[in-house]
Amino acid sequence: MDGNDLLKLDSQLCFAIYACSRSLTRLYRPLLNQLGITYPQYLVMLVLWENSPQSVTGLGERLFLDSGTLTPLLKRMESNGLVERIRSREDERKVLIKVTEKGEILKEKAFEVPEKLFCRSGLTVEEFFRMKADLGRLLERLRNHEEGFGNHG
């Protein structure tokens, strides 16, 4: 591959991942519209359905989001009755996010989302798990690289 090929859009791994991410998000949209939530809200709910309550810091770390992005999202979710923000008994400065009863009811409706998305993806089961594993390894390597360079480069 020569230098000019390196600078072609179609040669960029980041663009392939970005375009796939946008397409996947578009596939999710009608499914999540039926639940009355957005894709970022769905991701928050997935984490909370696994483990609630959860600190805002813990949510941010799990979702790779900073508090400036997460806080307005959580406020909207609280106003929609899906989550509740509560102060930690151990540390008043720490805010915990807890799934409400309405959020738990939503979980029952959300069970069909992953299956429908899988069917729409066109992937075989083997392709799905291989791709997920490959992307997981890539993410781990990228995160290790970021940590090794102190997020500077």
N, C-alpha and C. Protein backbone atom coordinates (compact mmCIF):
# COMPACT_ATOMS: atom_id res chain seq x y z
N MET A 1 0.86 -1.17 0.00
CA MET A 1 0.00 0.00 0.00
C MET A 1 0.90 1.24 0.00
N ASP A 2 0.71 2.12 -0.95
CA ASP A 2 1.54 3.33 -0.98
C ASP A 2 0.92 4.43 -0.12
N GLY A 3 1.64 5.54 0.01
CA GLY A 3 1.22 6.64 0.87
C GLY A 3 -0.15 7.19 0.53
N ASN A 4 -0.45 7.30 -0.76
CA ASN A 4 -1.75 7.82 -1.16
C ASN A 4 -2.88 6.89 -0.74
N ASP A 5 -2.64 5.57 -0.82
CA ASP A 5 -3.66 4.61 -0.40
C ASP A 5 -3.95 4.72 1.09
N LEU A 6 -2.92 5.03 1.86
CA LEU A 6 -3.09 5.17 3.31
C LEU A 6 -4.05 6.29 3.67
N LEU A 7 -4.13 7.30 2.80
CA LEU A 7 -4.97 8.45 3.09
C LEU A 7 -6.34 8.39 2.42
N LYS A 8 -6.69 7.24 1.88
CA LYS A 8 -8.03 7.08 1.31
C LYS A 8 -9.02 6.74 2.43
N LEU A 9 -10.19 7.30 2.31
CA LEU A 9 -11.22 7.06 3.32
C LEU A 9 -11.48 5.57 3.52
N ASP A 10 -11.55 4.84 2.42
CA ASP A 10 -11.85 3.41 2.52
C ASP A 10 -10.71 2.60 3.13
N SER A 11 -9.56 3.20 3.33
CA SER A 11 -8.44 2.51 3.97
C SER A 11 -8.46 2.69 5.49
N GLN A 12 -9.36 3.51 5.99
CA GLN A 12 -9.38 3.86 7.41
C GLN A 12 -10.26 2.90 8.22
N LEU A 13 -9.65 2.23 9.17
CA LEU A 13 -10.40 1.37 10.09
C LEU A 13 -11.39 2.20 10.90
N CYS A 14 -10.97 3.37 11.33
CA CYS A 14 -11.85 4.22 12.14
C CYS A 14 -13.13 4.56 11.39
N PHE A 15 -13.02 4.80 10.08
CA PHE A 15 -14.22 5.14 9.32
C PHE A 15 -15.15 3.94 9.18
N ALA A 16 -14.59 2.76 8.96
CA ALA A 16 -15.42 1.55 8.86
C ALA A 16 -16.19 1.33 10.16
N ILE A 17 -15.51 1.50 11.28
CA ILE A 17 -16.16 1.31 12.59
C ILE A 17 -17.21 2.40 12.82
N TYR A 18 -16.86 3.63 12.48
CA TYR A 18 -17.79 4.76 12.63
C TYR A 18 -19.05 4.55 11.80
N ALA A 19 -18.88 4.17 10.54
CA ALA A 19 -20.03 3.96 9.65
C ALA A 19 -20.89 2.80 10.14
N CYS A 20 -20.25 1.73 10.59
CA CYS A 20 -21.00 0.59 11.14
C CYS A 20 -21.77 1.01 12.39
N SER A 21 -21.15 1.79 13.24
CA SER A 21 -21.80 2.25 14.46
C SER A 21 -23.04 3.08 14.14
N ARG A 22 -22.90 3.97 13.20
CA ARG A 22 -24.06 4.80 12.79
C ARG A 22 -25.18 3.94 12.21
N SER A 23 -24.82 2.96 11.39
CA SER A 23 -25.83 2.07 10.80
C SER A 23 -26.52 1.23 11.87
N LEU A 24 -25.74 0.73 12.80
CA LEU A 24 -26.34 -0.06 13.89
C LEU A 24 -27.28 0.79 14.73
N THR A 25 -26.86 2.01 15.01
CA THR A 25 -27.71 2.91 15.79
C THR A 25 -29.03 3.18 15.05
N ARG A 26 -28.96 3.33 13.73
CA ARG A 26 -30.19 3.52 12.94
C ARG A 26 -31.07 2.28 12.99
N LEU A 27 -30.47 1.09 13.03
CA LEU A 27 -31.28 -0.13 13.16
C LEU A 27 -31.96 -0.20 14.52
N TYR A 28 -31.28 0.29 15.54
CA TYR A 28 -31.86 0.29 16.89
C TYR A 28 -33.02 1.27 17.02
N ARG A 29 -32.93 2.41 16.31
CA ARG A 29 -33.86 3.52 16.53
C ARG A 29 -35.34 3.11 16.53
N PRO A 30 -35.86 2.40 15.51
CA PRO A 30 -37.29 2.08 15.56
C PRO A 30 -37.64 1.13 16.72
N LEU A 31 -36.73 0.26 17.07
CA LEU A 31 -36.97 -0.66 18.19
C LEU A 31 -37.03 0.10 19.51
N LEU A 32 -36.12 1.05 19.66
CA LEU A 32 -36.07 1.83 20.90
C LEU A 32 -37.17 2.89 20.95
N ASN A 33 -37.58 3.39 19.78
CA ASN A 33 -38.71 4.33 19.75
C ASN A 33 -39.95 3.68 20.35
N GLN A 34 -40.13 2.39 20.09
CA GLN A 34 -41.28 1.66 20.66
C GLN A 34 -41.20 1.61 22.19
N LEU A 35 -39.98 1.67 22.71
CA LEU A 35 -39.80 1.67 24.16
C LEU A 35 -39.79 3.08 24.74
N GLY A 36 -39.71 4.08 23.87
CA GLY A 36 -39.70 5.48 24.32
C GLY A 36 -38.35 5.94 24.85
N ILE A 37 -37.27 5.31 24.38
CA ILE A 37 -35.93 5.70 24.82
C ILE A 37 -35.00 5.86 23.63
N THR A 38 -33.91 6.58 23.87
CA THR A 38 -32.90 6.77 22.84
C THR A 38 -31.82 5.70 23.00
N TYR A 39 -30.93 5.61 22.03
CA TYR A 39 -29.84 4.63 22.10
C TYR A 39 -28.94 4.87 23.33
N PRO A 40 -28.49 6.11 23.60
CA PRO A 40 -27.69 6.31 24.82
C PRO A 40 -28.44 5.93 26.10
N GLN A 41 -29.74 6.20 26.14
CA GLN A 41 -30.54 5.80 27.30
C GLN A 41 -30.62 4.28 27.41
N TYR A 42 -30.72 3.61 26.29
CA TYR A 42 -30.72 2.14 26.27
C TYR A 42 -29.42 1.60 26.86
N LEU A 43 -28.30 2.19 26.49
CA LEU A 43 -27.01 1.74 27.02
C LEU A 43 -26.96 1.91 28.54
N VAL A 44 -27.45 3.05 29.03
CA VAL A 44 -27.49 3.28 30.48
C VAL A 44 -28.37 2.23 31.14
N MET A 45 -29.52 1.97 30.56
CA MET A 45 -30.44 0.99 31.15
C MET A 45 -29.81 -0.41 31.16
N LEU A 46 -29.08 -0.77 30.10
CA LEU A 46 -28.41 -2.08 30.08
C LEU A 46 -27.47 -2.23 31.27
N VAL A 47 -26.69 -1.19 31.53
CA VAL A 47 -25.76 -1.24 32.66
C VAL A 47 -26.53 -1.33 33.98
N LEU A 48 -27.58 -0.54 34.11
CA LEU A 48 -28.34 -0.53 35.36
C LEU A 48 -29.14 -1.82 35.56
N TRP A 49 -29.61 -2.42 34.48
CA TRP A 49 -30.31 -3.70 34.63
C TRP A 49 -29.36 -4.78 35.12
N GLU A 50 -28.08 -4.63 34.80
CA GLU A 50 -27.07 -5.57 35.30
C GLU A 50 -26.79 -5.34 36.77
N ASN A 51 -26.73 -4.05 37.17
CA ASN A 51 -26.32 -3.73 38.52
C ASN A 51 -26.86 -2.36 38.92
N SER A 52 -27.88 -2.35 39.75
CA SER A 52 -28.48 -1.10 40.21
C SER A 52 -28.60 -1.18 41.73
N PRO A 53 -28.28 -0.12 42.45
CA PRO A 53 -27.84 1.18 41.98
C PRO A 53 -26.38 1.16 41.54
N GLN A 54 -26.04 2.21 40.82
CA GLN A 54 -24.69 2.35 40.26
C GLN A 54 -24.29 3.82 40.42
N SER A 55 -23.05 4.07 40.76
CA SER A 55 -22.60 5.46 40.87
C SER A 55 -22.51 6.08 39.47
N VAL A 56 -22.63 7.38 39.43
CA VAL A 56 -22.49 8.10 38.16
C VAL A 56 -21.09 7.84 37.60
N THR A 57 -20.10 7.84 38.47
CA THR A 57 -18.73 7.56 38.04
C THR A 57 -18.62 6.17 37.44
N GLY A 58 -19.21 5.18 38.10
CA GLY A 58 -19.18 3.81 37.60
C GLY A 58 -19.87 3.68 36.26
N LEU A 59 -21.01 4.35 36.11
CA LEU A 59 -21.71 4.35 34.82
C LEU A 59 -20.84 4.95 33.73
N GLY A 60 -20.22 6.07 34.03
CA GLY A 60 -19.36 6.74 33.06
C GLY A 60 -18.20 5.86 32.63
N GLU A 61 -17.59 5.18 33.60
CA GLU A 61 -16.47 4.30 33.28
C GLU A 61 -16.93 3.13 32.41
N ARG A 62 -18.06 2.57 32.74
CA ARG A 62 -18.58 1.41 32.00
C ARG A 62 -18.96 1.78 30.57
N LEU A 63 -19.49 2.99 30.39
CA LEU A 63 -19.98 3.42 29.08
C LEU A 63 -18.98 4.30 28.33
N PHE A 64 -17.82 4.57 28.94
CA PHE A 64 -16.81 5.44 28.35
C PHE A 64 -17.37 6.83 28.07
N LEU A 65 -18.14 7.35 29.03
CA LEU A 65 -18.73 8.68 28.91
C LEU A 65 -18.27 9.54 30.07
N ASP A 66 -18.05 10.84 29.82
CA ASP A 66 -17.69 11.74 30.90
C ASP A 66 -18.96 12.25 31.57
N SER A 67 -18.79 12.83 32.75
CA SER A 67 -19.97 13.27 33.51
C SER A 67 -20.72 14.40 32.79
N GLY A 68 -20.02 15.20 32.00
CA GLY A 68 -20.68 16.27 31.24
C GLY A 68 -21.67 15.74 30.22
N THR A 69 -21.41 14.56 29.70
CA THR A 69 -22.31 13.91 28.76
C THR A 69 -23.39 13.12 29.50
N LEU A 70 -22.97 12.46 30.56
CA LEU A 70 -23.85 11.55 31.28
C LEU A 70 -24.90 12.27 32.13
N THR A 71 -24.52 13.36 32.78
CA THR A 71 -25.43 14.04 33.71
C THR A 71 -26.72 14.52 33.04
N PRO A 72 -26.66 15.22 31.90
CA PRO A 72 -27.93 15.63 31.27
C PRO A 72 -28.77 14.43 30.81
N LEU A 73 -28.09 13.39 30.36
CA LEU A 73 -28.78 12.17 29.94
C LEU A 73 -29.54 11.56 31.12
N LEU A 74 -28.88 11.48 32.26
CA LEU A 74 -29.51 10.91 33.47
C LEU A 74 -30.65 11.79 33.97
N LYS A 75 -30.50 13.10 33.85
CA LYS A 75 -31.57 14.01 34.27
C LYS A 75 -32.83 13.79 33.42
N ARG A 76 -32.63 13.62 32.11
CA ARG A 76 -33.78 13.34 31.22
C ARG A 76 -34.43 12.01 31.58
N MET A 77 -33.59 11.01 31.85
CA MET A 77 -34.12 9.70 32.20
C MET A 77 -34.87 9.76 33.53
N GLU A 78 -34.38 10.57 34.46
CA GLU A 78 -35.07 10.73 35.75
C GLU A 78 -36.41 11.43 35.54
N SER A 79 -36.44 12.46 34.70
CA SER A 79 -37.70 13.17 34.46
C SER A 79 -38.71 12.28 33.74
N ASN A 80 -38.21 11.27 33.00
CA ASN A 80 -39.10 10.29 32.35
C ASN A 80 -39.49 9.15 33.28
N GLY A 81 -38.96 9.15 34.49
CA GLY A 81 -39.34 8.16 35.48
C GLY A 81 -38.63 6.82 35.37
N LEU A 82 -37.55 6.76 34.59
CA LEU A 82 -36.85 5.48 34.39
C LEU A 82 -35.81 5.20 35.47
N VAL A 83 -35.20 6.27 35.98
CA VAL A 83 -34.17 6.14 37.00
C VAL A 83 -34.43 7.16 38.10
N GLU A 84 -33.77 6.91 39.20
CA GLU A 84 -33.84 7.82 40.33
C GLU A 84 -32.41 8.10 40.77
N ARG A 85 -32.12 9.39 41.02
CA ARG A 85 -30.80 9.76 41.52
C ARG A 85 -30.90 9.89 43.03
N ILE A 86 -30.01 9.20 43.74
CA ILE A 86 -30.02 9.23 45.19
C ILE A 86 -28.60 9.47 45.71
N ARG A 87 -28.50 10.12 46.85
CA ARG A 87 -27.19 10.36 47.48
C ARG A 87 -26.77 9.10 48.23
N SER A 88 -25.49 8.79 48.14
CA SER A 88 -24.93 7.65 48.85
C SER A 88 -24.99 7.92 50.35
N ARG A 89 -25.33 6.91 51.13
CA ARG A 89 -25.35 7.04 52.59
C ARG A 89 -23.93 7.14 53.14
N GLU A 90 -22.99 6.45 52.46
CA GLU A 90 -21.59 6.44 52.92
C GLU A 90 -20.87 7.75 52.59
N ASP A 91 -21.22 8.35 51.45
CA ASP A 91 -20.53 9.55 51.00
C ASP A 91 -21.54 10.46 50.31
N GLU A 92 -21.94 11.53 50.99
CA GLU A 92 -22.97 12.44 50.48
C GLU A 92 -22.62 13.05 49.12
N ARG A 93 -21.31 13.11 48.79
CA ARG A 93 -20.90 13.69 47.51
C ARG A 93 -21.16 12.74 46.34
N LYS A 94 -21.37 11.48 46.65
CA LYS A 94 -21.53 10.44 45.63
C LYS A 94 -23.01 10.28 45.28
N VAL A 95 -23.31 10.37 43.97
CA VAL A 95 -24.68 10.20 43.50
C VAL A 95 -24.81 8.80 42.90
N LEU A 96 -25.85 8.10 43.33
CA LEU A 96 -26.14 6.77 42.81
C LEU A 96 -27.36 6.84 41.91
N ILE A 97 -27.35 6.02 40.88
CA ILE A 97 -28.47 5.95 39.94
C ILE A 97 -29.13 4.58 40.12
N LYS A 98 -30.42 4.62 40.33
CA LYS A 98 -31.19 3.41 40.61
C LYS A 98 -32.33 3.29 39.60
N VAL A 99 -32.57 2.07 39.15
CA VAL A 99 -33.69 1.82 38.24
C VAL A 99 -34.99 1.92 39.03
N THR A 100 -35.97 2.61 38.47
CA THR A 100 -37.29 2.72 39.11
C THR A 100 -38.15 1.53 38.69
N GLU A 101 -39.34 1.47 39.25
CA GLU A 101 -40.28 0.42 38.86
C GLU A 101 -40.62 0.53 37.37
N LYS A 102 -40.79 1.75 36.89
CA LYS A 102 -41.06 1.97 35.46
C LYS A 102 -39.88 1.46 34.62
N GLY A 103 -38.65 1.68 35.10
CA GLY A 103 -37.47 1.19 34.40
C GLY A 103 -37.41 -0.32 34.38
N GLU A 104 -37.84 -0.96 35.45
CA GLU A 104 -37.87 -2.42 35.50
C GLU A 104 -38.94 -2.98 34.56
N ILE A 105 -40.06 -2.31 34.46
CA ILE A 105 -41.11 -2.73 33.51
C ILE A 105 -40.59 -2.63 32.07
N LEU A 106 -39.82 -1.57 31.82
CA LEU A 106 -39.23 -1.39 30.49
C LEU A 106 -38.31 -2.55 30.13
N LYS A 107 -37.64 -3.10 31.13
CA LYS A 107 -36.73 -4.23 30.90
C LYS A 107 -37.46 -5.40 30.25
N GLU A 108 -38.65 -5.67 30.70
CA GLU A 108 -39.44 -6.77 30.14
C GLU A 108 -39.73 -6.53 28.65
N LYS A 109 -40.00 -5.29 28.29
CA LYS A 109 -40.27 -4.95 26.89
C LYS A 109 -39.00 -4.97 26.04
N ALA A 110 -37.86 -4.76 26.69
CA ALA A 110 -36.59 -4.64 25.96
C ALA A 110 -35.98 -5.99 25.59
N PHE A 111 -36.49 -7.07 26.11
CA PHE A 111 -35.91 -8.38 25.83
C PHE A 111 -35.88 -8.71 24.34
N GLU A 112 -36.81 -8.19 23.58
CA GLU A 112 -36.86 -8.51 22.15
C GLU A 112 -35.87 -7.69 21.32
N VAL A 113 -35.34 -6.62 21.87
CA VAL A 113 -34.46 -5.73 21.11
C VAL A 113 -33.21 -6.43 20.58
N PRO A 114 -32.42 -7.11 21.43
CA PRO A 114 -31.21 -7.75 20.90
C PRO A 114 -31.49 -8.80 19.82
N GLU A 115 -32.54 -9.57 20.01
CA GLU A 115 -32.86 -10.61 19.03
C GLU A 115 -33.27 -9.99 17.69
N LYS A 116 -34.11 -8.97 17.74
CA LYS A 116 -34.53 -8.32 16.50
C LYS A 116 -33.36 -7.66 15.80
N LEU A 117 -32.48 -7.03 16.58
CA LEU A 117 -31.32 -6.39 15.97
C LEU A 117 -30.41 -7.43 15.33
N PHE A 118 -30.21 -8.55 16.01
CA PHE A 118 -29.38 -9.62 15.45
C PHE A 118 -29.96 -10.08 14.11
N CYS A 119 -31.26 -10.28 14.05
CA CYS A 119 -31.89 -10.73 12.80
C CYS A 119 -31.70 -9.69 11.70
N ARG A 120 -31.77 -8.42 12.03
CA ARG A 120 -31.61 -7.36 11.04
C ARG A 120 -30.16 -7.18 10.60
N SER A 121 -29.22 -7.66 11.40
CA SER A 121 -27.80 -7.46 11.10
C SER A 121 -27.34 -8.30 9.91
N GLY A 122 -28.01 -9.42 9.65
CA GLY A 122 -27.60 -10.30 8.57
C GLY A 122 -26.42 -11.18 8.92
N LEU A 123 -25.96 -11.13 10.16
CA LEU A 123 -24.83 -11.95 10.58
C LEU A 123 -25.27 -13.34 11.00
N THR A 124 -24.39 -14.32 10.79
CA THR A 124 -24.63 -15.64 11.38
C THR A 124 -24.23 -15.56 12.85
N VAL A 125 -24.62 -16.54 13.63
CA VAL A 125 -24.25 -16.56 15.05
C VAL A 125 -22.72 -16.56 15.19
N GLU A 126 -22.05 -17.37 14.35
CA GLU A 126 -20.60 -17.44 14.41
C GLU A 126 -19.96 -16.09 14.07
N GLU A 127 -20.46 -15.45 13.01
CA GLU A 127 -19.92 -14.14 12.62
C GLU A 127 -20.13 -13.12 13.74
N PHE A 128 -21.30 -13.15 14.34
CA PHE A 128 -21.62 -12.22 15.41
C PHE A 128 -20.63 -12.34 16.56
N PHE A 129 -20.42 -13.56 17.05
CA PHE A 129 -19.53 -13.75 18.19
C PHE A 129 -18.07 -13.50 17.84
N ARG A 130 -17.66 -13.84 16.63
CA ARG A 130 -16.30 -13.58 16.20
C ARG A 130 -16.05 -12.07 16.11
N MET A 131 -17.00 -11.36 15.50
CA MET A 131 -16.85 -9.92 15.35
C MET A 131 -16.86 -9.22 16.70
N LYS A 132 -17.75 -9.64 17.58
CA LYS A 132 -17.81 -9.05 18.92
C LYS A 132 -16.51 -9.28 19.67
N ALA A 133 -15.96 -10.48 19.56
CA ALA A 133 -14.67 -10.79 20.21
C ALA A 133 -13.54 -9.95 19.61
N ASP A 134 -13.51 -9.84 18.29
CA ASP A 134 -12.46 -9.04 17.63
C ASP A 134 -12.54 -7.58 18.07
N LEU A 135 -13.74 -7.02 18.10
CA LEU A 135 -13.91 -5.63 18.50
C LEU A 135 -13.58 -5.44 19.98
N GLY A 136 -13.91 -6.43 20.79
CA GLY A 136 -13.55 -6.37 22.21
C GLY A 136 -12.04 -6.33 22.41
N ARG A 137 -11.32 -7.16 21.64
CA ARG A 137 -9.85 -7.15 21.72
C ARG A 137 -9.29 -5.82 21.23
N LEU A 138 -9.86 -5.29 20.15
CA LEU A 138 -9.41 -3.99 19.64
C LEU A 138 -9.63 -2.90 20.69
N LEU A 139 -10.79 -2.88 21.29
CA LEU A 139 -11.07 -1.88 22.32
C LEU A 139 -10.09 -1.99 23.48
N GLU A 140 -9.82 -3.21 23.91
CA GLU A 140 -8.88 -3.41 25.01
C GLU A 140 -7.49 -2.89 24.64
N ARG A 141 -7.04 -3.18 23.43
CA ARG A 141 -5.72 -2.70 22.99
C ARG A 141 -5.68 -1.18 22.91
N LEU A 142 -6.74 -0.60 22.38
CA LEU A 142 -6.79 0.86 22.28
C LEU A 142 -6.81 1.51 23.66
N ARG A 143 -7.57 0.94 24.57
CA ARG A 143 -7.63 1.48 25.94
C ARG A 143 -6.27 1.36 26.62
N ASN A 144 -5.60 0.22 26.42
CA ASN A 144 -4.26 0.04 27.00
C ASN A 144 -3.29 1.05 26.42
N HIS A 145 -3.41 1.30 25.12
CA HIS A 145 -2.55 2.28 24.46
C HIS A 145 -2.80 3.68 25.04
N GLU A 146 -4.07 4.03 25.22
CA GLU A 146 -4.41 5.33 25.80
C GLU A 146 -3.81 5.48 27.19
N GLU A 147 -3.95 4.42 28.01
CA GLU A 147 -3.43 4.47 29.37
C GLU A 147 -1.90 4.57 29.37
N GLY A 148 -1.25 3.87 28.44
CA GLY A 148 0.20 3.90 28.35
C GLY A 148 0.75 5.27 27.97
N PHE A 149 -0.07 6.05 27.28
CA PHE A 149 0.37 7.38 26.86
C PHE A 149 -0.36 8.48 27.62
N GLY A 150 -1.04 8.10 28.68
CA GLY A 150 -1.72 9.12 29.50
C GLY A 150 -2.75 9.91 28.74
N ASN A 151 -3.39 9.26 27.75
CA ASN A 151 -4.43 9.90 26.92
C ASN A 151 -3.91 11.08 26.10
N HIS A 152 -2.59 11.15 25.90
CA HIS A 152 -2.04 12.28 25.15
C HIS A 152 -1.54 11.91 23.76
N GLY A 153 -1.50 10.66 23.42
CA GLY A 153 -1.01 10.52 22.10
C GLY A 153 -0.57 9.28 21.60
